Amino acid sequence: KPLEVTMQQKIFTTFSLFQDEEADDLKSELIRINELIARGAIFVVNHSGGKDSQAMFHFITDLVPRSQIFVVHAELPEVEWEGVLEHIQSTVLGMTVHTCRSRRMLLEMIRERGMFPSPSIRQCTSDLKRGPIERTIRRTGHKLIVNCIGLRSDESSNRAKLATFKYSEKNSKNDREWYDWLPIHHWTVEA
């Protein structure tokens, strides 16, 4: 029952910020999230250590029981700020931070291609973050997964076009049911 109270409080707070149609979409999304929580889904928090990851983590901990939260960080040796992992560990309320890394590093990829990644060729996102994180999630053996990513719509026009909640055909295999969720997509820096 305490989970339902927290969910209702979040719904009323969140919906007051939007037009009726947007609020209805968010309400439907949060109802679906609540159903997945009740079914025992594991909510994977992709954590980079930045403000959006921290905000998303705290939002999810208000909605999801701690036993259903799995925090993962894709390490970026050579380019990651020193102390990032320690910072993440200090902000996740004592939860374990699972780490992963790409088989190849960014500078190695740049040397192989002979150029830096660009907005049109987002190799670093897929090879250095998404791929290793998805492999880590699959290795857990969980069958009902909500992969949570802290992207906000006001960061770019491409991000604004992203679906905030979707079934992942690519990762829903071998009796696994996988959803991708952008829980703070509608948030602004101020709110």
C-alpha atoms as a PDB file:
ATOM      1  CA  LYS A   1       0.000   0.000   0.000  1.00  0.00           C
ATOM      2  CA  PRO A   2       2.779   2.584   0.694  1.00  0.00           C
ATOM      3  CA  LEU A   3       3.903   2.133  -2.937  1.00  0.00           C
ATOM      4  CA  GLU A   4       0.431   3.158  -4.173  1.00  0.00           C
ATOM      5  CA  VAL A   5       0.499   6.323  -2.052  1.00  0.00           C
ATOM      6  CA  THR A   6       3.921   7.261  -3.407  1.00  0.00           C
ATOM      7  CA  MET A   7       2.747   6.574  -6.970  1.00  0.00           C
ATOM      8  CA  GLN A   8      -0.361   8.749  -6.521  1.00  0.00           C
ATOM      9  CA  GLN A   9       1.698  11.585  -5.054  1.00  0.00           C
ATOM     10  CA  LYS A  10       4.113  11.419  -8.008  1.00  0.00           C
ATOM     11  CA  ILE A  11       1.269  11.297 -10.512  1.00  0.00           C
ATOM     12  CA  PHE A  12      -0.433  14.406  -9.124  1.00  0.00           C
ATOM     13  CA  THR A  13       2.843  16.323  -8.882  1.00  0.00           C
ATOM     14  CA  THR A  14       3.972  15.346 -12.371  1.00  0.00           C
ATOM     15  CA  PHE A  15       0.642  15.812 -14.155  1.00  0.00           C
ATOM     16  CA  SER A  16       0.088  19.338 -12.859  1.00  0.00           C
ATOM     17  CA  LEU A  17       3.020  20.463 -15.058  1.00  0.00           C
ATOM     18  CA  PHE A  18       1.438  19.394 -18.374  1.00  0.00           C
ATOM     19  CA  GLN A  19      -1.436  19.997 -20.765  1.00  0.00           C
ATOM     20  CA  ASP A  20      -4.338  17.534 -20.518  1.00  0.00           C
ATOM     21  CA  GLU A  21      -3.204  15.302 -23.423  1.00  0.00           C
ATOM     22  CA  GLU A  22       0.402  15.131 -22.195  1.00  0.00           C
ATOM     23  CA  ALA A  23      -0.794  14.403 -18.658  1.00  0.00           C
ATOM     24  CA  ASP A  24      -2.991  11.559 -19.947  1.00  0.00           C
ATOM     25  CA  ASP A  25       0.012  10.036 -21.759  1.00  0.00           C
ATOM     26  CA  LEU A  26       2.159  10.280 -18.627  1.00  0.00           C
ATOM     27  CA  LYS A  27      -0.612   8.813 -16.483  1.00  0.00           C
ATOM     28  CA  SER A  28      -0.946   5.822 -18.843  1.00  0.00           C
ATOM     29  CA  GLU A  29       2.825   5.343 -18.778  1.00  0.00           C
ATOM     30  CA  LEU A  30       3.020   5.428 -14.976  1.00  0.00           C
ATOM     31  CA  ILE A  31       0.081   3.035 -14.672  1.00  0.00           C
ATOM     32  CA  ARG A  32       1.982   0.617 -16.963  1.00  0.00           C
ATOM     33  CA  ILE A  33       5.103   1.087 -14.826  1.00  0.00           C
ATOM     34  CA  ASN A  34       3.075   0.341 -11.697  1.00  0.00           C
ATOM     35  CA  GLU A  35       1.804  -2.883 -13.323  1.00  0.00           C
ATOM     36  CA  LEU A  36       5.400  -3.921 -14.116  1.00  0.00           C
ATOM     37  CA  ILE A  37       6.439  -3.195 -10.534  1.00  0.00           C
ATOM     38  CA  ALA A  38       3.602  -5.426  -9.294  1.00  0.00           C
ATOM     39  CA  ARG A  39       4.755  -8.193 -11.672  1.00  0.00           C
ATOM     40  CA  GLY A  40       8.261  -8.058 -10.142  1.00  0.00           C
ATOM     41  CA  ALA A  41      10.143  -6.341 -12.970  1.00  0.00           C
ATOM     42  CA  ILE A  42      13.762  -5.392 -12.427  1.00  0.00           C
ATOM     43  CA  PHE A  43      14.337  -1.688 -13.079  1.00  0.00           C
ATOM     44  CA  VAL A  44      17.848  -1.157 -14.434  1.00  0.00           C
ATOM     45  CA  VAL A  45      19.117   2.356 -13.723  1.00  0.00           C
ATOM     46  CA  ASN A  46      21.771   3.357 -16.279  1.00  0.00           C
ATOM     47  CA  HIS A  47      23.987   5.677 -14.200  1.00  0.00           C
ATOM     48  CA  SER A  48      26.695   7.911 -15.648  1.00  0.00           C
ATOM     49  CA  GLY A  49      27.222   9.901 -12.462  1.00  0.00           C
ATOM     50  CA  GLY A  50      25.705  13.089 -13.907  1.00  0.00           C
ATOM     51  CA  LYS A  51      22.759  15.162 -12.732  1.00  0.00           C
ATOM     52  CA  ASP A  52      20.218  13.425 -14.965  1.00  0.00           C
ATOM     53  CA  SER A  53      21.265   9.955 -13.783  1.00  0.00           C
ATOM     54  CA  GLN A  54      21.070  11.084 -10.167  1.00  0.00           C
ATOM     55  CA  ALA A  55      17.636  12.672 -10.638  1.00  0.00           C
ATOM     56  CA  MET A  56      16.358   9.567 -12.430  1.00  0.00           C
ATOM     57  CA  PHE A  57      17.738   7.279  -9.704  1.00  0.00           C
ATOM     58  CA  HIS A  58      15.933   9.195  -6.964  1.00  0.00           C
ATOM     59  CA  PHE A  59      12.697   9.340  -8.954  1.00  0.00           C
ATOM     60  CA  ILE A  60      12.821   5.566  -9.483  1.00  0.00           C
ATOM     61  CA  THR A  61      13.577   4.879  -5.815  1.00  0.00           C
ATOM     62  CA  ASP A  62      10.371   6.776  -4.965  1.00  0.00           C
ATOM     63  CA  LEU A  63       8.380   4.420  -7.220  1.00  0.00           C
ATOM     64  CA  VAL A  64      10.116   1.051  -7.177  1.00  0.00           C
ATOM     65  CA  PRO A  65      11.027  -1.185  -4.210  1.00  0.00           C
ATOM     66  CA  ARG A  66      14.795  -1.276  -3.671  1.00  0.00           C
ATOM     67  CA  SER A  67      14.830  -5.037  -4.214  1.00  0.00           C
ATOM     68  CA  GLN A  68      13.720  -4.407  -7.817  1.00  0.00           C
ATOM     69  CA  ILE A  69      16.396  -1.809  -8.665  1.00  0.00           C
ATOM     70  CA  PHE A  70      19.645  -2.735 -10.431  1.00  0.00           C
ATOM     71  CA  VAL A  71      22.178   0.079 -10.908  1.00  0.00           C
ATOM     72  CA  VAL A  72      24.652  -0.232 -13.798  1.00  0.00           C
ATOM     73  CA  HIS A  73      27.496   2.010 -14.954  1.00  0.00           C
ATOM     74  CA  ALA A  74      29.371   1.700 -18.247  1.00  0.00           C
ATOM     75  CA  GLU A  75      32.983   2.552 -17.458  1.00  0.00           C
ATOM     76  CA  LEU A  76      34.813   4.639 -20.043  1.00  0.00           C
ATOM     77  CA  PRO A  77      38.543   4.182 -19.326  1.00  0.00           C
ATOM     78  CA  GLU A  78      40.818   6.842 -20.825  1.00  0.00           C
ATOM     79  CA  VAL A  79      38.032   9.439 -21.036  1.00  0.00           C
ATOM     80  CA  GLU A  80      36.002   9.162 -17.810  1.00  0.00           C
ATOM     81  CA  TRP A  81      36.571  11.658 -15.031  1.00  0.00           C
ATOM     82  CA  GLU A  82      38.555  10.261 -12.127  1.00  0.00           C
ATOM     83  CA  GLY A  83      36.308   9.373  -9.195  1.00  0.00           C
ATOM     84  CA  VAL A  84      33.082   8.885 -11.192  1.00  0.00           C
ATOM     85  CA  LEU A  85      32.436   5.381  -9.872  1.00  0.00           C
ATOM     86  CA  GLU A  86      33.075   6.479  -6.283  1.00  0.00           C
ATOM     87  CA  HIS A  87      30.708   9.411  -6.806  1.00  0.00           C
ATOM     88  CA  ILE A  88      27.963   7.114  -8.115  1.00  0.00           C
ATOM     89  CA  GLN A  89      28.469   4.714  -5.201  1.00  0.00           C
ATOM     90  CA  SER A  90      28.120   7.605  -2.763  1.00  0.00           C
ATOM     91  CA  THR A  91      24.756   8.666  -4.253  1.00  0.00           C
ATOM     92  CA  VAL A  92      22.865   5.352  -4.665  1.00  0.00           C
ATOM     93  CA  LEU A  93      21.815   4.798  -1.050  1.00  0.00           C
ATOM     94  CA  GLY A  94      24.159   1.860  -0.468  1.00  0.00           C
ATOM     95  CA  MET A  95      22.999  -0.144  -3.477  1.00  0.00           C
ATOM     96  CA  THR A  96      25.502  -2.166  -5.478  1.00  0.00           C
ATOM     97  CA  VAL A  97      26.751  -0.492  -8.653  1.00  0.00           C
ATOM     98  CA  HIS A  98      27.346  -3.080 -11.372  1.00  0.00           C
ATOM     99  CA  THR A  99      30.004  -1.990 -13.847  1.00  0.00           C
ATOM    100  CA  CYS A 100      30.692  -3.004 -17.404  1.00  0.00           C
ATOM    101  CA  ARG A 101      32.909  -1.845 -20.219  1.00  0.00           C
ATOM    102  CA  SER A 102      33.318  -2.187 -23.923  1.00  0.00           C
ATOM    103  CA  ARG A 103      35.709  -4.674 -25.436  1.00  0.00           C
ATOM    104  CA  ARG A 104      37.326  -1.718 -27.243  1.00  0.00           C
ATOM    105  CA  MET A 105      38.038   1.745 -25.881  1.00  0.00           C
ATOM    106  CA  LEU A 106      37.155   5.107 -27.444  1.00  0.00           C
ATOM    107  CA  LEU A 107      40.676   6.027 -28.556  1.00  0.00           C
ATOM    108  CA  GLU A 108      41.091   2.585 -30.108  1.00  0.00           C
ATOM    109  CA  MET A 109      37.823   3.071 -32.030  1.00  0.00           C
ATOM    110  CA  ILE A 110      38.948   6.513 -33.238  1.00  0.00           C
ATOM    111  CA  ARG A 111      42.257   5.098 -34.470  1.00  0.00           C
ATOM    112  CA  GLU A 112      40.468   2.267 -36.321  1.00  0.00           C
ATOM    113  CA  ARG A 113      37.985   4.624 -38.026  1.00  0.00           C
ATOM    114  CA  GLY A 114      40.483   7.429 -38.555  1.00  0.00           C
ATOM    115  CA  MET A 115      37.953   9.965 -37.228  1.00  0.00           C
ATOM    116  CA  PHE A 116      36.033  11.027 -34.153  1.00  0.00           C
ATOM    117  CA  PRO A 117      32.388   9.996 -33.632  1.00  0.00           C
ATOM    118  CA  SER A 118      29.855  12.548 -34.877  1.00  0.00           C
ATOM    119  CA  PRO A 119      26.161  13.254 -34.241  1.00  0.00           C
ATOM    120  CA  SER A 120      25.287  11.183 -37.310  1.00  0.00           C
ATOM    121  CA  ILE A 121      27.584   8.291 -36.345  1.00  0.00           C
ATOM    122  CA  ARG A 122      27.008   7.730 -32.613  1.00  0.00           C
ATOM    123  CA  GLN A 123      29.397   4.815 -32.360  1.00  0.00           C
ATOM    124  CA  CYS A 124      30.519   5.693 -28.857  1.00  0.00           C
ATOM    125  CA  THR A 125      26.986   5.501 -27.450  1.00  0.00           C
ATOM    126  CA  SER A 126      26.213   2.099 -28.947  1.00  0.00           C
ATOM    127  CA  ASP A 127      29.652   0.506 -28.574  1.00  0.00           C
ATOM    128  CA  LEU A 128      30.799   2.022 -25.287  1.00  0.00           C
ATOM    129  CA  LYS A 129      27.566   2.282 -23.322  1.00  0.00           C
ATOM    130  CA  ARG A 130      24.430   0.641 -24.724  1.00  0.00           C
ATOM    131  CA  GLY A 131      26.058  -2.619 -25.881  1.00  0.00           C
ATOM    132  CA  PRO A 132      27.976  -3.358 -22.654  1.00  0.00           C
ATOM    133  CA  ILE A 133      24.979  -2.397 -20.491  1.00  0.00           C
ATOM    134  CA  GLU A 134      22.607  -4.609 -22.468  1.00  0.00           C
ATOM    135  CA  ARG A 135      25.052  -7.536 -22.200  1.00  0.00           C
ATOM    136  CA  THR A 136      25.275  -6.990 -18.436  1.00  0.00           C
ATOM    137  CA  ILE A 137      21.480  -6.950 -18.115  1.00  0.00           C
ATOM    138  CA  ARG A 138      21.082 -10.137 -20.165  1.00  0.00           C
ATOM    139  CA  ARG A 139      23.661 -11.909 -17.969  1.00  0.00           C
ATOM    140  CA  THR A 140      21.566 -11.285 -14.842  1.00  0.00           C
ATOM    141  CA  GLY A 141      19.060 -13.863 -16.050  1.00  0.00           C
ATOM    142  CA  HIS A 142      16.079 -11.653 -15.196  1.00  0.00           C
ATOM    143  CA  LYS A 143      13.083 -12.248 -17.428  1.00  0.00           C
ATOM    144  CA  LEU A 144      11.120  -9.012 -16.876  1.00  0.00           C
ATOM    145  CA  ILE A 145      13.248  -5.903 -17.373  1.00  0.00           C
ATOM    146  CA  VAL A 146      12.661  -2.160 -17.527  1.00  0.00           C
ATOM    147  CA  ASN A 147      15.844  -0.500 -18.785  1.00  0.00           C
ATOM    148  CA  CYS A 148      15.813   3.096 -17.463  1.00  0.00           C
ATOM    149  CA  ILE A 149      17.827   5.787 -19.233  1.00  0.00           C
ATOM    150  CA  GLY A 150      18.099   9.404 -18.053  1.00  0.00           C
ATOM    151  CA  LEU A 151      17.630  11.281 -21.327  1.00  0.00           C
ATOM    152  CA  ARG A 152      15.683  14.548 -21.357  1.00  0.00           C
ATOM    153  CA  SER A 153      13.794  15.940 -24.363  1.00  0.00           C
ATOM    154  CA  ASP A 154      15.169  19.469 -24.014  1.00  0.00           C
ATOM    155  CA  GLU A 155      18.759  18.272 -24.546  1.00  0.00           C
ATOM    156  CA  SER A 156      18.320  17.962 -28.332  1.00  0.00           C
ATOM    157  CA  SER A 157      15.678  17.793 -31.059  1.00  0.00           C
ATOM    158  CA  ASN A 158      16.569  14.120 -31.677  1.00  0.00           C
ATOM    159  CA  ARG A 159      16.058  13.261 -28.007  1.00  0.00           C
ATOM    160  CA  ALA A 160      12.747  15.119 -27.994  1.00  0.00           C
ATOM    161  CA  LYS A 161      11.458  12.697 -30.662  1.00  0.00           C
ATOM    162  CA  LEU A 162      12.245   9.549 -28.652  1.00  0.00           C
ATOM    163  CA  ALA A 163       9.438   7.363 -27.307  1.00  0.00           C
ATOM    164  CA  THR A 164       9.470   7.525 -23.521  1.00  0.00           C
ATOM    165  CA  PHE A 165       8.330   3.929 -23.029  1.00  0.00           C
ATOM    166  CA  LYS A 166       8.617   1.094 -25.518  1.00  0.00           C
ATOM    167  CA  TYR A 167       8.818  -2.653 -25.803  1.00  0.00           C
ATOM    168  CA  SER A 168      12.265  -3.761 -27.001  1.00  0.00           C
ATOM    169  CA  GLU A 169      11.891  -6.337 -29.771  1.00  0.00           C
ATOM    170  CA  LYS A 170      15.669  -6.669 -30.010  1.00  0.00           C
ATOM    171  CA  ASN A 171      16.134  -7.606 -26.346  1.00  0.00           C
ATOM    172  CA  SER A 172      12.895  -9.528 -25.746  1.00  0.00           C
ATOM    173  CA  LYS A 173      14.165 -12.995 -26.584  1.00  0.00           C
ATOM    174  CA  ASN A 174      14.524 -16.344 -24.790  1.00  0.00           C
ATOM    175  CA  ASP A 175      11.400 -15.767 -22.653  1.00  0.00           C
ATOM    176  CA  ARG A 176      12.682 -12.302 -21.691  1.00  0.00           C
ATOM    177  CA  GLU A 177      10.283  -9.328 -21.683  1.00  0.00           C
ATOM    178  CA  TRP A 178      12.226  -6.057 -21.971  1.00  0.00           C
ATOM    179  CA  TYR A 179      11.075  -2.433 -21.990  1.00  0.00           C
ATOM    180  CA  ASP A 180      13.087   0.766 -22.434  1.00  0.00           C
ATOM    181  CA  TRP A 181      11.913   3.719 -20.333  1.00  0.00           C
ATOM    182  CA  LEU A 182      13.001   7.368 -20.251  1.00  0.00           C
ATOM    183  CA  PRO A 183      11.518   8.319 -16.863  1.00  0.00           C
ATOM    184  CA  ILE A 184      12.733  11.940 -16.819  1.00  0.00           C
ATOM    185  CA  HIS A 185      12.304  12.650 -20.541  1.00  0.00           C
ATOM    186  CA  HIS A 186       9.778  15.441 -19.865  1.00  0.00           C
ATOM    187  CA  TRP A 187      11.794  17.056 -17.052  1.00  0.00           C
ATOM    188  CA  THR A 188      13.577  20.362 -17.435  1.00  0.00           C
ATOM    189  CA  VAL A 189      16.725  21.432 -15.594  1.00  0.00           C
ATOM    190  CA  GLU A 190      14.595  23.736 -13.424  1.00  0.00           C
ATOM    191  CA  ALA A 191      11.872  21.212 -12.511  1.00  0.00           C
END
